[in-house]
Amino acid sequence: MKLIYFSLDYTPHDHRFLSVLSESEHRVYYVRLQRGARQTESRPVPENIETVPWAGGQKPFAWRDLPRLALDFRRVVQKIRPDLIHAGPIQTCAFIAVLSGFRPILTMSWGFDLMKDVQRGKGWKFATRYTLQHSTFFTSDAQVTREMAVRYGMNPARTVVFPWGVDLTHFTPKNRTTAQPHNGMTLFCNRSWEPNYGVDVLARAFVKVAQQRPDVALLLPGGGSLGGQLRQIFINSGVDARVSMPGYINNADLPRFYQMADLYISPSHVDGSSVSLMEALACGLPCLVSDIPANKEWVQDGYNGWLFPDGDADALAAKILRAIEQRDTLPKIGQNARVTAEEKADWPKNVQTLMETYRSMLEMTR
């Protein structure tokens, strides 16, 4: 089978999908819509994947370029003559793919496209509805995004949900018998420093906790537009010495950072099935997360972590303090977290659902 994989940029998630496809029997062509200002994946495109040169992929996407990009993508499709197109996010890549007139198309939600971008205005709503109504099949990583897709016109009988998952041999719990004992508590969050992910809520909560507990530290890798605001919160409150901000961490080093922590925190306002949450679960970390629908699909309060009201810094601080007070329960909660990852976030197992979806789509069009 000849397959076009059409994605917004080149991220660790794209590398994950392309790596699996590179090992399949399929001939895969990778089309990239944009080259963003910050590249989050340093590994090269996997072998056996053919990167397609075209009008896009050299700079950030702009809507004024849509007619030119749609026309050139049609040219790419006519040249390659694929059997199937796998495209997402919805309002950009999948929209352009649908406009080419080619079928079958598997439209893949990236979470933010249905949980946030669709609310940007009438144009985004139109692109969402038009794309889904003209897609052959739809896939996402969370039930909440599947429900949104159906609301915007996707045939519910042609949807499939599977968590993208993680490599459970790469993300593993630390060896408790050799780990260095310490009396403090290290909190960890590697969500992007952007408004969607609520890291400012965590910053305010940490200040409240740190003022009561001198034994608590925060490990906050990453970066983003809220960097200045976050640093100011810590400096103004006098807790900056207890916050480590090491910058972006590459995928190979990530497990070590999870293993340095005692509690993972995700204060995200918008999410599908968060890959960083799955990584934390796989590393045996108790997880304290906002109570948005997608997080509730993964975290059971008191079993593998805890939930707090989205956006409520006071409630988050109270939950952190409670976790510290109940520190003797954390090993068991961490064990349950790993069990959850093994049951639901095994990437090599989960991705077979994608391969089965490809086969089903081809059979539908014969």
Protein backbone atom coordinates (compact mmCIF):
# COMPACT_ATOMS: atom_id res chain seq x y z
CA MET A 1 0.00 0.00 0.00
CA LYS A 2 1.13 3.54 -0.75
CA LEU A 3 0.31 5.92 2.09
CA ILE A 4 0.64 9.68 2.55
CA TYR A 5 1.17 10.71 6.17
CA PHE A 6 0.33 14.44 6.27
CA SER A 7 1.06 16.31 9.50
CA LEU A 8 1.44 19.86 10.78
CA ASP A 9 5.13 19.72 11.73
CA TYR A 10 7.72 17.18 12.89
CA THR A 11 7.26 16.35 16.55
CA PRO A 12 8.02 13.38 18.84
CA HIS A 13 4.49 12.18 18.10
CA ASP A 14 5.16 12.26 14.35
CA HIS A 15 8.41 10.38 14.91
CA ARG A 16 6.47 7.75 16.86
CA PHE A 17 3.98 7.19 14.03
CA LEU A 18 6.56 7.34 11.26
CA SER A 19 8.83 4.87 13.07
CA VAL A 20 6.07 2.28 13.13
CA LEU A 21 5.15 2.95 9.51
CA SER A 22 8.80 2.66 8.47
CA GLU A 23 8.82 -0.90 9.78
CA SER A 24 5.60 -1.87 8.00
CA GLU A 25 5.16 -3.29 4.53
CA HIS A 26 3.71 0.01 3.34
CA ARG A 27 5.41 2.61 1.17
CA VAL A 28 5.07 5.82 3.16
CA TYR A 29 5.35 9.43 1.98
CA TYR A 30 5.67 12.12 4.66
CA VAL A 31 4.21 15.54 3.88
CA ARG A 32 4.90 18.31 6.38
CA LEU A 33 2.68 21.40 6.41
CA GLN A 34 4.95 23.80 8.28
CA ARG A 35 8.31 24.31 9.92
CA GLY A 36 7.54 25.98 13.23
CA ALA A 37 9.78 28.40 15.09
CA ARG A 38 10.71 25.75 17.68
CA GLN A 39 11.58 22.22 16.66
CA THR A 40 10.66 19.69 19.34
CA GLU A 41 12.07 16.55 17.68
CA SER A 42 15.81 16.21 17.08
CA ARG A 43 15.80 12.65 15.73
CA PRO A 44 15.84 12.34 11.93
CA VAL A 45 12.86 11.14 9.97
CA PRO A 46 12.99 7.32 10.18
CA GLU A 47 14.50 5.28 7.39
CA ASN A 48 12.21 4.02 4.63
CA ILE A 49 10.06 7.15 4.92
CA GLU A 50 10.12 9.38 1.84
CA THR A 51 9.88 13.08 2.74
CA VAL A 52 7.98 14.88 -0.02
CA PRO A 53 9.22 18.28 -1.21
CA TRP A 54 6.32 20.58 -1.96
CA ALA A 55 5.06 24.15 -1.49
CA GLY A 56 4.71 23.74 2.29
CA GLY A 57 6.98 22.61 5.09
CA GLN A 58 9.48 25.49 5.05
CA LYS A 59 7.87 28.10 7.32
CA PRO A 60 4.97 28.47 9.78
CA PHE A 61 1.56 27.86 8.21
CA ALA A 62 -0.46 30.97 7.28
CA TRP A 63 -4.08 30.92 6.12
CA ARG A 64 -3.30 33.26 3.25
CA ASP A 65 -1.26 30.42 1.76
CA LEU A 66 -4.16 27.95 1.85
CA PRO A 67 -5.16 28.18 -1.87
CA ARG A 68 -1.56 27.70 -3.03
CA LEU A 69 -0.96 24.83 -0.60
CA ALA A 70 -4.24 23.09 -1.43
CA LEU A 71 -3.45 23.27 -5.15
CA ASP A 72 0.07 21.91 -4.68
CA PHE A 73 -1.09 19.15 -2.36
CA ARG A 74 -3.48 18.04 -5.10
CA ARG A 75 -0.47 17.88 -7.42
CA VAL A 76 1.40 15.75 -4.87
CA VAL A 77 -1.54 13.34 -4.61
CA GLN A 78 -1.85 13.04 -8.37
CA LYS A 79 1.86 12.30 -8.65
CA ILE A 80 2.06 9.73 -5.85
CA ARG A 81 -1.35 8.13 -6.46
CA PRO A 82 -1.64 6.84 -2.88
CA ASP A 83 -4.03 4.19 -1.68
CA LEU A 84 -4.79 6.14 1.50
CA ILE A 85 -4.10 9.50 3.14
CA HIS A 86 -3.62 9.78 6.91
CA ALA A 87 -3.93 13.48 7.86
CA GLY A 88 -4.28 15.72 10.89
CA PRO A 89 -4.82 18.12 12.65
CA ILE A 90 -8.34 18.56 11.37
CA GLN A 91 -8.58 22.22 10.33
CA THR A 92 -5.21 22.33 8.56
CA CYS A 93 -3.74 19.11 7.18
CA ALA A 94 -6.95 17.08 7.03
CA PHE A 95 -8.84 20.06 5.56
CA ILE A 96 -6.26 20.43 2.79
CA ALA A 97 -6.35 16.68 2.17
CA VAL A 98 -10.13 16.70 1.85
CA LEU A 99 -9.97 19.65 -0.55
CA SER A 100 -7.77 17.56 -2.86
CA GLY A 101 -10.80 15.44 -3.69
CA PHE A 102 -8.94 12.22 -2.91
CA ARG A 103 -10.51 9.39 -0.90
CA PRO A 104 -10.08 7.42 1.34
CA ILE A 105 -8.85 9.80 4.03
CA LEU A 106 -8.22 8.95 7.67
CA THR A 107 -8.58 12.18 9.63
CA MET A 108 -6.68 12.14 12.92
CA SER A 109 -7.44 14.57 15.72
CA TRP A 110 -4.49 15.87 17.72
CA GLY A 111 -6.70 16.83 20.66
CA PHE A 112 -6.19 20.59 20.58
CA ASP A 113 -7.94 20.86 17.20
CA LEU A 114 -11.27 19.71 18.67
CA MET A 115 -10.83 20.89 22.25
CA LYS A 116 -9.64 24.44 21.47
CA ASP A 117 -9.08 25.41 17.83
CA VAL A 118 -12.67 24.72 16.83
CA GLN A 119 -13.71 27.52 19.21
CA ARG A 120 -11.64 30.15 17.40
CA GLY A 121 -14.46 31.30 15.15
CA LYS A 122 -16.81 30.51 12.29
CA GLY A 123 -14.02 29.73 9.83
CA TRP A 124 -12.55 27.09 12.14
CA LYS A 125 -15.98 25.58 12.76
CA PHE A 126 -16.64 25.42 9.01
CA ALA A 127 -13.30 23.72 8.32
CA THR A 128 -13.97 21.24 11.14
CA ARG A 129 -17.46 20.33 9.96
CA TYR A 130 -16.53 20.19 6.28
CA THR A 131 -13.48 18.01 6.92
CA LEU A 132 -15.26 15.53 9.15
CA GLN A 133 -18.26 15.23 6.87
CA HIS A 134 -15.93 14.41 3.96
CA SER A 135 -13.58 12.06 5.83
CA THR A 136 -13.70 8.34 5.24
CA PHE A 137 -12.72 7.51 8.80
CA PHE A 138 -11.74 9.34 11.99
CA THR A 139 -9.35 8.47 14.77
CA SER A 140 -8.35 10.12 18.03
CA ASP A 141 -6.71 9.21 21.30
CA ALA A 142 -9.58 10.01 23.69
CA GLN A 143 -13.32 9.48 23.91
CA VAL A 144 -13.89 13.18 24.55
CA THR A 145 -12.44 14.13 21.14
CA ARG A 146 -14.36 11.34 19.41
CA GLU A 147 -17.58 12.73 20.90
CA MET A 148 -16.68 16.21 19.64
CA ALA A 149 -16.02 14.84 16.16
CA VAL A 150 -19.44 13.19 16.06
CA ARG A 151 -20.99 16.46 17.20
CA TYR A 152 -19.38 18.17 14.20
CA GLY A 153 -20.72 15.68 11.69
CA MET A 154 -18.46 12.61 11.73
CA ASN A 155 -20.25 9.33 11.18
CA PRO A 156 -19.99 7.60 14.60
CA ALA A 157 -19.76 4.19 12.91
CA ARG A 158 -16.54 5.30 11.22
CA THR A 159 -14.55 6.34 14.27
CA VAL A 160 -11.90 4.55 16.27
CA VAL A 161 -10.22 5.60 19.52
CA PHE A 162 -6.86 4.35 20.71
CA PRO A 163 -4.31 5.96 23.07
CA TRP A 164 -1.07 6.75 21.27
CA GLY A 165 0.83 5.19 24.15
CA VAL A 166 4.52 5.13 25.04
CA ASP A 167 7.47 2.76 24.93
CA LEU A 168 7.14 0.88 28.21
CA THR A 169 10.73 -0.36 27.96
CA HIS A 170 12.03 3.22 27.71
CA PHE A 171 9.78 4.79 30.34
CA THR A 172 10.13 2.61 33.44
CA PRO A 173 10.00 3.09 37.21
CA LYS A 174 13.25 3.86 38.98
CA ASN A 175 14.89 1.04 40.87
CA ARG A 176 13.69 1.69 44.40
CA THR A 177 16.43 -0.48 45.90
CA THR A 178 19.23 1.62 44.39
CA ALA A 179 17.52 5.04 44.40
CA GLN A 180 19.11 7.64 46.64
CA PRO A 181 16.90 8.30 49.69
CA HIS A 182 15.87 11.87 50.33
CA ASN A 183 13.61 13.55 52.82
CA GLY A 184 12.12 16.15 50.52
CA MET A 185 9.43 15.99 47.86
CA THR A 186 10.15 16.75 44.20
CA LEU A 187 7.25 17.82 42.00
CA PHE A 188 7.58 17.42 38.24
CA CYS A 189 5.77 19.02 35.31
CA ASN A 190 6.96 19.06 31.70
CA ARG A 191 3.93 20.61 30.06
CA SER A 192 4.63 23.43 27.63
CA TRP A 193 4.69 26.93 29.14
CA GLU A 194 1.69 28.05 27.12
CA PRO A 195 -1.77 29.19 28.28
CA ASN A 196 -3.44 25.90 27.26
CA TYR A 197 -1.40 23.91 29.74
CA GLY A 198 -1.98 25.88 32.94
CA VAL A 199 1.61 25.90 34.18
CA ASP A 200 0.93 29.33 35.71
CA VAL A 201 -1.68 27.62 37.91
CA LEU A 202 1.00 25.21 39.09
CA ALA A 203 3.40 28.10 39.73
CA ARG A 204 0.91 29.84 42.02
CA ALA A 205 0.10 26.56 43.77
CA PHE A 206 3.78 25.79 44.32
CA VAL A 207 4.32 29.15 45.99
CA LYS A 208 1.57 28.32 48.49
CA VAL A 209 3.04 24.88 49.16
CA ALA A 210 6.64 26.11 49.41
CA GLN A 211 5.67 28.73 51.97
CA GLN A 212 4.43 25.94 54.23
CA ARG A 213 6.89 23.17 53.36
CA PRO A 214 10.61 23.92 53.13
CA ASP A 215 11.27 20.37 51.91
CA VAL A 216 9.45 20.71 48.54
CA ALA A 217 11.13 21.42 45.19
CA LEU A 218 9.76 21.85 41.67
CA LEU A 219 11.36 20.44 38.53
CA LEU A 220 9.98 22.39 35.56
CA PRO A 221 11.70 21.62 32.24
CA GLY A 222 10.49 23.00 28.94
CA GLY A 223 9.77 26.49 27.73
CA GLY A 224 7.19 28.75 26.14
CA SER A 225 5.63 32.17 26.06
CA LEU A 226 4.80 32.19 29.79
CA GLY A 227 8.45 31.79 30.81
CA GLY A 228 8.87 35.37 31.99
CA GLN A 229 5.63 35.31 33.95
CA LEU A 230 6.52 32.02 35.66
CA ARG A 231 9.96 33.24 36.71
CA GLN A 232 8.46 36.43 38.07
CA ILE A 233 5.97 34.47 40.20
CA PHE A 234 8.79 32.44 41.72
CA ILE A 235 11.14 35.39 42.25
CA ASN A 236 8.48 37.68 43.75
CA SER A 237 7.55 34.95 46.25
CA GLY A 238 11.14 34.12 47.14
CA VAL A 239 10.91 30.46 46.11
CA ASP A 240 12.94 30.62 42.89
CA ALA A 241 15.89 28.80 44.48
CA ARG A 242 13.68 25.75 44.89
CA VAL A 243 12.60 25.66 41.24
CA SER A 244 14.78 23.98 38.62
CA MET A 245 14.09 25.06 35.02
CA PRO A 246 16.56 23.05 32.89
CA GLY A 247 15.04 23.87 29.50
CA TYR A 248 13.92 21.36 26.89
CA ILE A 249 14.74 17.72 27.54
CA ASN A 250 15.24 15.33 24.65
CA ASN A 251 13.29 12.10 24.56
CA ALA A 252 16.29 9.92 25.38
CA ASP A 253 16.86 11.73 28.70
CA LEU A 254 13.22 12.13 29.74
CA PRO A 255 12.91 8.93 31.82
CA ARG A 256 15.71 10.09 34.10
CA PHE A 257 13.80 13.27 34.91
CA TYR A 258 10.57 11.42 35.66
CA GLN A 259 12.55 9.11 37.93
CA MET A 260 13.96 12.07 39.87
CA ALA A 261 10.45 13.08 40.90
CA ASP A 262 7.97 11.96 43.55
CA LEU A 263 4.80 13.43 42.05
CA TYR A 264 3.84 14.31 38.46
CA ILE A 265 1.54 17.29 37.92
CA SER A 266 -0.41 18.28 34.81
CA PRO A 267 -2.53 21.43 35.21
CA SER A 268 -3.61 21.42 31.53
CA HIS A 269 -6.88 23.14 30.59
CA VAL A 270 -7.12 21.34 27.22
CA ASP A 271 -5.95 17.85 26.30
CA GLY A 272 -6.59 14.59 24.58
CA SER A 273 -4.82 11.58 26.05
CA SER A 274 -1.65 13.31 27.21
CA VAL A 275 1.51 11.46 26.20
CA SER A 276 3.46 13.06 29.06
CA LEU A 277 0.82 11.74 31.47
CA MET A 278 1.26 8.25 29.99
CA GLU A 279 5.04 8.59 30.36
CA ALA A 280 4.64 9.54 34.01
CA LEU A 281 2.32 6.60 34.65
CA ALA A 282 4.79 4.27 32.91
CA CYS A 283 7.56 5.58 35.18
CA GLY A 284 5.48 4.69 38.23
CA LEU A 285 4.79 8.27 39.27
CA PRO A 286 1.62 9.17 41.18
CA CYS A 287 -0.16 11.74 38.99
CA LEU A 288 -1.98 14.85 40.14
CA VAL A 289 -3.92 16.29 37.20
CA SER A 290 -6.69 18.73 36.34
CA ASP A 291 -10.15 17.20 36.21
CA ILE A 292 -10.71 17.76 32.49
CA PRO A 293 -12.51 14.88 30.69
CA ALA A 294 -9.44 13.42 28.97
CA ASN A 295 -7.50 13.19 32.24
CA LYS A 296 -10.41 11.38 33.88
CA GLU A 297 -9.96 8.64 31.30
CA TRP A 298 -6.54 7.93 32.83
CA VAL A 299 -6.43 8.99 36.48
CA GLN A 300 -8.68 7.48 39.12
CA ASP A 301 -8.69 9.60 42.26
CA GLY A 302 -6.91 7.78 45.07
CA TYR A 303 -5.85 4.81 42.89
CA ASN A 304 -3.07 5.97 40.56
CA GLY A 305 -3.16 9.66 41.45
CA TRP A 306 -5.54 12.50 42.16
CA LEU A 307 -7.68 15.07 40.36
CA PHE A 308 -8.09 18.76 41.18
CA PRO A 309 -10.55 21.35 39.81
CA ASP A 310 -9.17 22.78 36.58
CA GLY A 311 -7.62 26.22 37.06
CA ASP A 312 -7.92 26.22 40.87
CA ALA A 313 -4.44 26.94 42.29
CA ASP A 314 -5.69 26.76 45.90
CA ALA A 315 -7.18 23.30 45.34
CA LEU A 316 -4.00 22.14 43.60
CA ALA A 317 -1.87 23.37 46.52
CA ALA A 318 -4.13 21.57 48.99
CA LYS A 319 -3.83 18.32 47.01
CA ILE A 320 -0.04 18.61 46.91
CA LEU A 321 0.09 19.15 50.66
CA ARG A 322 -2.19 16.17 51.22
CA ALA A 323 0.05 13.99 49.03
CA ILE A 324 3.05 15.06 51.13
CA GLU A 325 1.22 14.21 54.33
CA GLN A 326 0.30 10.79 52.90
CA ARG A 327 3.76 10.13 51.53
CA ASP A 328 3.81 6.55 52.77
CA THR A 329 1.00 5.75 50.28
CA LEU A 330 2.92 7.04 47.25
CA PRO A 331 4.79 3.79 46.43
CA LYS A 332 1.50 1.87 46.13
CA ILE A 333 -0.09 4.64 44.05
CA GLY A 334 3.00 4.59 41.84
CA GLN A 335 2.67 0.84 41.36
CA ASN A 336 -0.94 1.35 40.31
CA ALA A 337 0.20 4.04 37.88
CA ARG A 338 2.54 1.57 36.18
CA VAL A 339 -0.26 -1.00 36.00
CA THR A 340 -2.45 1.58 34.27
CA ALA A 341 0.26 2.26 31.71
CA GLU A 342 0.77 -1.43 31.04
CA GLU A 343 -2.96 -1.96 30.57
CA LYS A 344 -3.73 1.10 28.43
CA ALA A 345 -0.59 2.85 27.15
CA ASP A 346 1.44 0.11 25.46
CA TRP A 347 2.33 1.80 22.16
CA PRO A 348 3.37 -1.31 20.15
CA LYS A 349 0.07 -2.94 21.11
CA ASN A 350 -2.12 0.14 20.64
CA VAL A 351 -0.74 1.02 17.21
CA GLN A 352 -2.09 -2.26 15.83
CA THR A 353 -5.49 -0.56 15.96
CA LEU A 354 -4.19 1.95 13.43
CA MET A 355 -2.97 -0.80 11.11
CA GLU A 356 -6.33 -2.56 11.36
CA THR A 357 -8.07 0.74 10.55
CA TYR A 358 -5.95 1.11 7.41
CA ARG A 359 -6.98 -2.37 6.29
CA SER A 360 -10.66 -1.71 6.99
CA MET A 361 -10.59 1.52 5.00
CA LEU A 362 -9.03 -0.15 1.98
CA GLU A 363 -11.62 -2.93 2.10
CA MET A 364 -14.39 -0.31 2.22
CA THR A 365 -13.16 1.30 -0.99
CA ARG A 366 -12.64 -1.88 -3.04
